[in-house]
């Protein structure tokens, strides 16, 4: 019974980490777009977004954050899985890998492009 609870907690923790990374990525994109469109004019509004980014980064495991930052340097780091398809590389994720991810036996990373993958329900 304890093993099932631990596995359930690990799955929830993984989902929360990936959702936090997705939110972080979205906020970073807001900052990037604001810098392009508004330059210095948007600074007062961006302060709150930057604070939220710092809060999210503090909640994320340092090793995960390092991997995220490397991926973000090249584009999106967090992508979605839709009907077994990774939206980052547009390749199918093997069903066995998806099942292992959902069971908490494999990190939520696309085996093709290595991006963090937010699994559909």
N, C-alpha and C. Protein backbone atom coordinates (compact mmCIF):
# COMPACT_ATOMS: atom_id res chain seq x y z
N UNK A 1 0.82 -1.19 0.00
CA UNK A 1 0.00 0.00 0.00
C UNK A 1 0.87 1.26 0.00
N UNK A 2 1.95 1.23 0.80
CA UNK A 2 2.85 2.38 0.87
C UNK A 2 3.52 2.65 -0.48
N UNK A 3 3.90 1.58 -1.20
CA UNK A 3 4.54 1.75 -2.51
C UNK A 3 3.61 2.43 -3.50
N UNK A 4 2.32 2.07 -3.47
CA UNK A 4 1.35 2.70 -4.36
C UNK A 4 1.21 4.19 -4.05
N UNK A 5 1.19 4.52 -2.74
CA UNK A 5 1.08 5.91 -2.33
C UNK A 5 2.29 6.70 -2.79
N UNK A 6 3.48 6.13 -2.64
CA UNK A 6 4.70 6.80 -3.06
C UNK A 6 4.69 7.03 -4.58
N UNK A 7 4.30 6.01 -5.33
CA UNK A 7 4.24 6.15 -6.78
C UNK A 7 3.25 7.23 -7.18
N UNK A 8 2.11 7.25 -6.53
CA UNK A 8 1.09 8.26 -6.80
C UNK A 8 1.63 9.66 -6.48
N UNK A 9 2.34 9.79 -5.37
CA UNK A 9 2.93 11.07 -4.99
C UNK A 9 4.01 11.49 -5.98
N UNK A 10 4.80 10.52 -6.44
CA UNK A 10 5.85 10.82 -7.42
C UNK A 10 5.24 11.30 -8.73
N UNK A 11 4.16 10.66 -9.17
CA UNK A 11 3.50 11.07 -10.41
C UNK A 11 2.96 12.49 -10.28
N UNK A 12 2.34 12.77 -9.13
CA UNK A 12 1.81 14.11 -8.89
C UNK A 12 2.94 15.13 -8.86
N UNK A 13 4.04 14.79 -8.22
CA UNK A 13 5.18 15.70 -8.15
C UNK A 13 5.75 15.97 -9.55
N UNK A 14 5.83 14.93 -10.38
CA UNK A 14 6.35 15.11 -11.75
C UNK A 14 5.42 16.02 -12.54
N UNK A 15 4.11 15.79 -12.44
CA UNK A 15 3.16 16.64 -13.16
C UNK A 15 3.29 18.09 -12.69
N UNK A 16 3.41 18.30 -11.39
CA UNK A 16 3.54 19.65 -10.85
C UNK A 16 4.82 20.33 -11.34
N UNK A 17 5.92 19.57 -11.42
CA UNK A 17 7.18 20.13 -11.92
C UNK A 17 7.04 20.57 -13.38
N UNK A 18 6.45 19.71 -14.19
CA UNK A 18 6.30 20.02 -15.61
C UNK A 18 5.33 21.19 -15.80
N UNK A 19 4.26 21.23 -15.03
CA UNK A 19 3.32 22.35 -15.11
C UNK A 19 3.99 23.65 -14.68
N UNK A 20 4.85 23.59 -13.65
CA UNK A 20 5.59 24.78 -13.22
C UNK A 20 6.55 25.23 -14.32
N UNK A 21 7.21 24.28 -14.98
CA UNK A 21 8.09 24.63 -16.09
C UNK A 21 7.32 25.26 -17.24
N UNK A 22 6.14 24.73 -17.53
CA UNK A 22 5.31 25.29 -18.61
C UNK A 22 4.88 26.72 -18.28
N UNK A 23 4.51 26.94 -17.02
CA UNK A 23 4.13 28.29 -16.59
C UNK A 23 5.34 29.24 -16.66
N UNK A 24 6.49 28.75 -16.23
CA UNK A 24 7.72 29.53 -16.30
C UNK A 24 8.02 29.93 -17.74
N UNK A 25 7.92 28.97 -18.64
CA UNK A 25 8.18 29.23 -20.05
C UNK A 25 7.21 30.29 -20.59
N UNK A 26 5.95 30.20 -20.22
CA UNK A 26 4.95 31.16 -20.68
C UNK A 26 5.27 32.57 -20.17
N UNK A 27 5.65 32.67 -18.92
CA UNK A 27 5.99 33.98 -18.36
C UNK A 27 7.25 34.56 -19.00
N UNK A 28 8.22 33.70 -19.27
CA UNK A 28 9.44 34.17 -19.95
C UNK A 28 9.11 34.67 -21.35
N UNK A 29 8.19 34.02 -22.01
CA UNK A 29 7.77 34.48 -23.35
C UNK A 29 7.06 35.83 -23.26
N UNK A 30 6.29 36.05 -22.21
CA UNK A 30 5.63 37.35 -22.01
C UNK A 30 6.68 38.45 -21.88
N UNK A 31 7.72 38.17 -21.10
CA UNK A 31 8.81 39.15 -20.92
C UNK A 31 9.49 39.43 -22.26
N UNK A 32 9.81 38.37 -23.00
CA UNK A 32 10.48 38.54 -24.30
C UNK A 32 9.63 39.37 -25.26
N UNK A 33 8.34 39.06 -25.34
CA UNK A 33 7.46 39.82 -26.23
C UNK A 33 7.33 41.27 -25.78
N UNK A 34 7.24 41.47 -24.48
CA UNK A 34 7.13 42.83 -23.95
C UNK A 34 8.39 43.63 -24.27
N UNK A 35 9.55 43.00 -24.14
CA UNK A 35 10.80 43.69 -24.48
C UNK A 35 10.83 44.10 -25.94
N UNK A 36 10.29 43.25 -26.80
CA UNK A 36 10.27 43.55 -28.24
C UNK A 36 9.28 44.66 -28.55
N UNK A 37 8.09 44.55 -27.99
CA UNK A 37 7.02 45.48 -28.34
C UNK A 37 7.06 46.81 -27.60
N UNK A 38 7.43 46.77 -26.32
CA UNK A 38 7.29 47.96 -25.50
C UNK A 38 8.59 48.54 -24.99
N UNK A 39 9.64 47.80 -25.13
CA UNK A 39 10.95 48.20 -24.65
C UNK A 39 10.87 48.67 -23.19
N UNK A 40 11.26 49.87 -22.87
CA UNK A 40 11.31 50.38 -21.49
C UNK A 40 9.93 50.74 -20.93
N UNK A 41 8.95 50.97 -21.79
CA UNK A 41 7.64 51.45 -21.34
C UNK A 41 6.89 50.45 -20.45
N UNK A 42 7.15 49.19 -20.58
CA UNK A 42 6.39 48.17 -19.87
C UNK A 42 7.01 47.77 -18.53
N UNK A 43 8.11 48.38 -18.15
CA UNK A 43 8.84 47.93 -16.96
C UNK A 43 7.98 47.84 -15.70
N UNK A 44 7.14 48.80 -15.38
CA UNK A 44 6.34 48.67 -14.15
C UNK A 44 5.44 47.42 -14.15
N UNK A 45 4.85 47.11 -15.27
CA UNK A 45 3.97 45.94 -15.35
C UNK A 45 4.76 44.63 -15.32
N UNK A 46 5.99 44.67 -15.78
CA UNK A 46 6.80 43.46 -15.89
C UNK A 46 7.39 43.05 -14.54
N UNK A 47 7.47 43.96 -13.59
CA UNK A 47 8.05 43.65 -12.28
C UNK A 47 7.31 42.48 -11.64
N UNK A 48 6.00 42.48 -11.69
CA UNK A 48 5.20 41.40 -11.11
C UNK A 48 5.48 40.07 -11.82
N UNK A 49 5.62 40.12 -13.12
CA UNK A 49 5.90 38.90 -13.89
C UNK A 49 7.28 38.37 -13.52
N UNK A 50 8.25 39.24 -13.40
CA UNK A 50 9.60 38.82 -13.01
C UNK A 50 9.60 38.20 -11.60
N UNK A 51 8.81 38.74 -10.69
CA UNK A 51 8.71 38.17 -9.34
C UNK A 51 8.13 36.76 -9.40
N UNK A 52 7.09 36.57 -10.20
CA UNK A 52 6.47 35.25 -10.35
C UNK A 52 7.48 34.26 -10.95
N UNK A 53 8.28 34.72 -11.90
CA UNK A 53 9.32 33.87 -12.50
C UNK A 53 10.30 33.42 -11.41
N UNK A 54 10.73 34.33 -10.57
CA UNK A 54 11.68 33.98 -9.50
C UNK A 54 11.06 32.99 -8.51
N UNK A 55 9.78 33.17 -8.20
CA UNK A 55 9.10 32.24 -7.30
C UNK A 55 9.04 30.83 -7.92
N UNK A 56 8.70 30.76 -9.19
CA UNK A 56 8.64 29.47 -9.87
C UNK A 56 10.01 28.81 -9.93
N UNK A 57 11.02 29.57 -10.27
CA UNK A 57 12.37 29.01 -10.37
C UNK A 57 12.84 28.47 -9.02
N UNK A 58 12.43 29.10 -7.92
CA UNK A 58 12.81 28.64 -6.59
C UNK A 58 12.14 27.31 -6.24
N UNK A 59 10.98 27.02 -6.82
CA UNK A 59 10.23 25.79 -6.53
C UNK A 59 10.71 24.60 -7.34
N UNK A 60 11.45 24.84 -8.39
CA UNK A 60 11.84 23.78 -9.32
C UNK A 60 13.20 23.22 -8.94
N UNK A 61 13.30 21.90 -9.02
CA UNK A 61 14.55 21.19 -8.74
C UNK A 61 15.69 21.79 -9.56
N UNK A 62 16.85 22.08 -8.94
CA UNK A 62 17.97 22.71 -9.65
C UNK A 62 18.44 21.95 -10.89
N UNK A 63 18.50 20.63 -10.81
CA UNK A 63 18.93 19.83 -11.97
C UNK A 63 17.93 19.98 -13.12
N UNK A 64 16.66 19.95 -12.80
CA UNK A 64 15.61 20.12 -13.81
C UNK A 64 15.69 21.52 -14.41
N UNK A 65 15.93 22.50 -13.57
CA UNK A 65 16.02 23.88 -14.03
C UNK A 65 17.21 24.09 -14.96
N UNK A 66 18.32 23.44 -14.67
CA UNK A 66 19.49 23.53 -15.54
C UNK A 66 19.17 22.96 -16.92
N UNK A 67 18.53 21.80 -16.95
CA UNK A 67 18.14 21.20 -18.23
C UNK A 67 17.16 22.10 -18.97
N UNK A 68 16.19 22.66 -18.24
CA UNK A 68 15.20 23.56 -18.83
C UNK A 68 15.89 24.77 -19.48
N UNK A 69 16.83 25.38 -18.75
CA UNK A 69 17.52 26.56 -19.27
C UNK A 69 18.30 26.24 -20.55
N UNK A 70 18.95 25.08 -20.59
CA UNK A 70 19.68 24.68 -21.81
C UNK A 70 18.71 24.53 -22.98
N UNK A 71 17.57 23.91 -22.74
CA UNK A 71 16.59 23.72 -23.80
C UNK A 71 15.98 25.06 -24.24
N UNK A 72 15.72 25.96 -23.29
CA UNK A 72 15.12 27.26 -23.61
C UNK A 72 16.06 28.11 -24.45
N UNK A 73 17.35 27.89 -24.32
CA UNK A 73 18.30 28.63 -25.17
C UNK A 73 18.10 28.30 -26.64
N UNK A 74 17.49 27.15 -26.92
CA UNK A 74 17.29 26.70 -28.29
C UNK A 74 15.84 26.82 -28.76
N UNK A 75 14.95 27.30 -27.89
CA UNK A 75 13.53 27.42 -28.23
C UNK A 75 12.68 26.91 -27.09
N UNK A 76 11.49 26.40 -27.40
CA UNK A 76 10.62 25.89 -26.33
C UNK A 76 11.25 24.70 -25.62
N UNK A 77 11.13 24.68 -24.31
CA UNK A 77 11.67 23.57 -23.51
C UNK A 77 10.57 22.62 -23.08
N UNK A 78 9.35 23.14 -22.98
CA UNK A 78 8.21 22.34 -22.55
C UNK A 78 7.20 22.30 -23.68
N UNK A 79 6.83 21.09 -24.05
CA UNK A 79 5.86 20.89 -25.13
C UNK A 79 4.76 19.96 -24.61
N UNK A 80 3.72 19.81 -25.39
CA UNK A 80 2.61 18.95 -25.00
C UNK A 80 2.63 17.66 -25.79
N UNK A 81 1.96 16.68 -25.22
CA UNK A 81 1.70 15.42 -25.93
C UNK A 81 0.22 15.42 -26.25
N UNK A 82 -0.10 15.20 -27.50
CA UNK A 82 -1.49 15.14 -27.94
C UNK A 82 -1.68 13.86 -28.75
N UNK A 83 -2.51 12.98 -28.25
CA UNK A 83 -2.80 11.71 -28.92
C UNK A 83 -1.53 10.94 -29.29
N UNK A 84 -0.56 10.96 -28.37
CA UNK A 84 0.67 10.21 -28.57
C UNK A 84 1.71 10.93 -29.40
N UNK A 85 1.43 12.17 -29.79
CA UNK A 85 2.34 12.94 -30.63
C UNK A 85 2.99 14.05 -29.81
N UNK A 86 4.29 14.17 -29.90
CA UNK A 86 5.01 15.27 -29.24
C UNK A 86 4.84 16.51 -30.11
N UNK A 87 4.35 17.61 -29.51
CA UNK A 87 4.14 18.82 -30.30
C UNK A 87 5.45 19.58 -30.54
N UNK A 88 6.53 19.13 -29.90
CA UNK A 88 7.83 19.76 -30.13
C UNK A 88 8.49 19.28 -31.41
N UNK A 89 8.54 17.97 -31.58
CA UNK A 89 9.22 17.39 -32.75
C UNK A 89 8.25 16.78 -33.75
N UNK A 90 6.98 16.72 -33.38
CA UNK A 90 5.92 16.18 -34.24
C UNK A 90 6.11 14.69 -34.55
N UNK A 91 6.79 13.99 -33.64
CA UNK A 91 6.97 12.55 -33.80
C UNK A 91 6.15 11.82 -32.74
N UNK A 92 5.76 10.60 -33.06
CA UNK A 92 5.02 9.79 -32.10
C UNK A 92 5.93 9.39 -30.95
N UNK A 93 5.36 9.44 -29.77
CA UNK A 93 6.04 8.94 -28.58
C UNK A 93 5.54 7.50 -28.41
N UNK A 94 6.44 6.54 -28.32
CA UNK A 94 5.99 5.15 -28.18
C UNK A 94 5.00 4.99 -27.02
N UNK A 95 3.97 4.20 -27.25
CA UNK A 95 2.93 4.00 -26.24
C UNK A 95 3.52 3.45 -24.95
N UNK A 96 4.50 2.58 -25.05
CA UNK A 96 5.14 2.05 -23.85
C UNK A 96 5.81 3.14 -23.04
N UNK A 97 6.46 4.08 -23.72
CA UNK A 97 7.11 5.20 -23.02
C UNK A 97 6.06 6.08 -22.35
N UNK A 98 4.96 6.35 -23.07
CA UNK A 98 3.89 7.16 -22.47
C UNK A 98 3.35 6.49 -21.21
N UNK A 99 3.16 5.19 -21.28
CA UNK A 99 2.65 4.46 -20.12
C UNK A 99 3.64 4.51 -18.96
N UNK A 100 4.93 4.33 -19.26
CA UNK A 100 5.94 4.41 -18.21
C UNK A 100 5.99 5.81 -17.59
N UNK A 101 5.83 6.84 -18.41
CA UNK A 101 5.79 8.21 -17.89
C UNK A 101 4.59 8.38 -16.97
N UNK A 102 3.43 7.94 -17.44
CA UNK A 102 2.21 8.09 -16.64
C UNK A 102 2.29 7.29 -15.34
N UNK A 103 3.00 6.18 -15.35
CA UNK A 103 3.15 5.35 -14.15
C UNK A 103 4.24 5.87 -13.22
N UNK A 104 5.00 6.86 -13.66
CA UNK A 104 6.06 7.41 -12.83
C UNK A 104 7.36 6.64 -12.92
N UNK A 105 7.49 5.77 -13.94
CA UNK A 105 8.70 4.96 -14.10
C UNK A 105 9.69 5.54 -15.09
N UNK A 106 9.37 6.71 -15.63
CA UNK A 106 10.23 7.32 -16.65
C UNK A 106 10.04 8.83 -16.57
N UNK A 107 11.09 9.61 -16.70
CA UNK A 107 10.94 11.08 -16.69
C UNK A 107 10.06 11.53 -17.86
N UNK A 108 9.38 12.61 -17.66
CA UNK A 108 8.49 13.15 -18.69
C UNK A 108 9.30 13.95 -19.71
N UNK A 109 10.05 13.22 -20.50
CA UNK A 109 10.89 13.80 -21.55
C UNK A 109 10.59 13.07 -22.85
N UNK A 110 10.47 13.82 -23.93
CA UNK A 110 10.25 13.19 -25.23
C UNK A 110 11.48 12.36 -25.58
N UNK A 111 11.29 11.08 -25.92
CA UNK A 111 12.45 10.26 -26.28
C UNK A 111 13.07 10.64 -27.63
N UNK A 112 12.36 11.46 -28.39
CA UNK A 112 12.86 11.88 -29.70
C UNK A 112 13.63 13.20 -29.65
N UNK A 113 13.03 14.22 -29.02
CA UNK A 113 13.66 15.56 -29.01
C UNK A 113 14.20 15.96 -27.64
N UNK A 114 13.94 15.16 -26.62
CA UNK A 114 14.44 15.36 -25.26
C UNK A 114 13.85 16.56 -24.54
N UNK A 115 12.77 17.14 -25.07
CA UNK A 115 12.12 18.25 -24.39
C UNK A 115 11.20 17.72 -23.30
N UNK A 116 10.94 18.56 -22.30
CA UNK A 116 9.97 18.20 -21.28
C UNK A 116 8.61 18.10 -21.96
N UNK A 117 7.88 17.06 -21.60
CA UNK A 117 6.62 16.83 -22.28
C UNK A 117 5.49 16.77 -21.26
N UNK A 118 4.51 17.65 -21.42
CA UNK A 118 3.35 17.68 -20.56
C UNK A 118 2.33 16.70 -21.15
N UNK A 119 2.10 15.64 -20.41
CA UNK A 119 1.23 14.57 -20.91
C UNK A 119 -0.24 14.97 -20.83
N UNK A 120 -1.00 14.55 -21.83
CA UNK A 120 -2.43 14.75 -21.80
C UNK A 120 -3.04 13.79 -20.80
N UNK A 121 -4.22 14.09 -20.36
CA UNK A 121 -4.87 13.20 -19.36
C UNK A 121 -5.49 11.99 -19.99
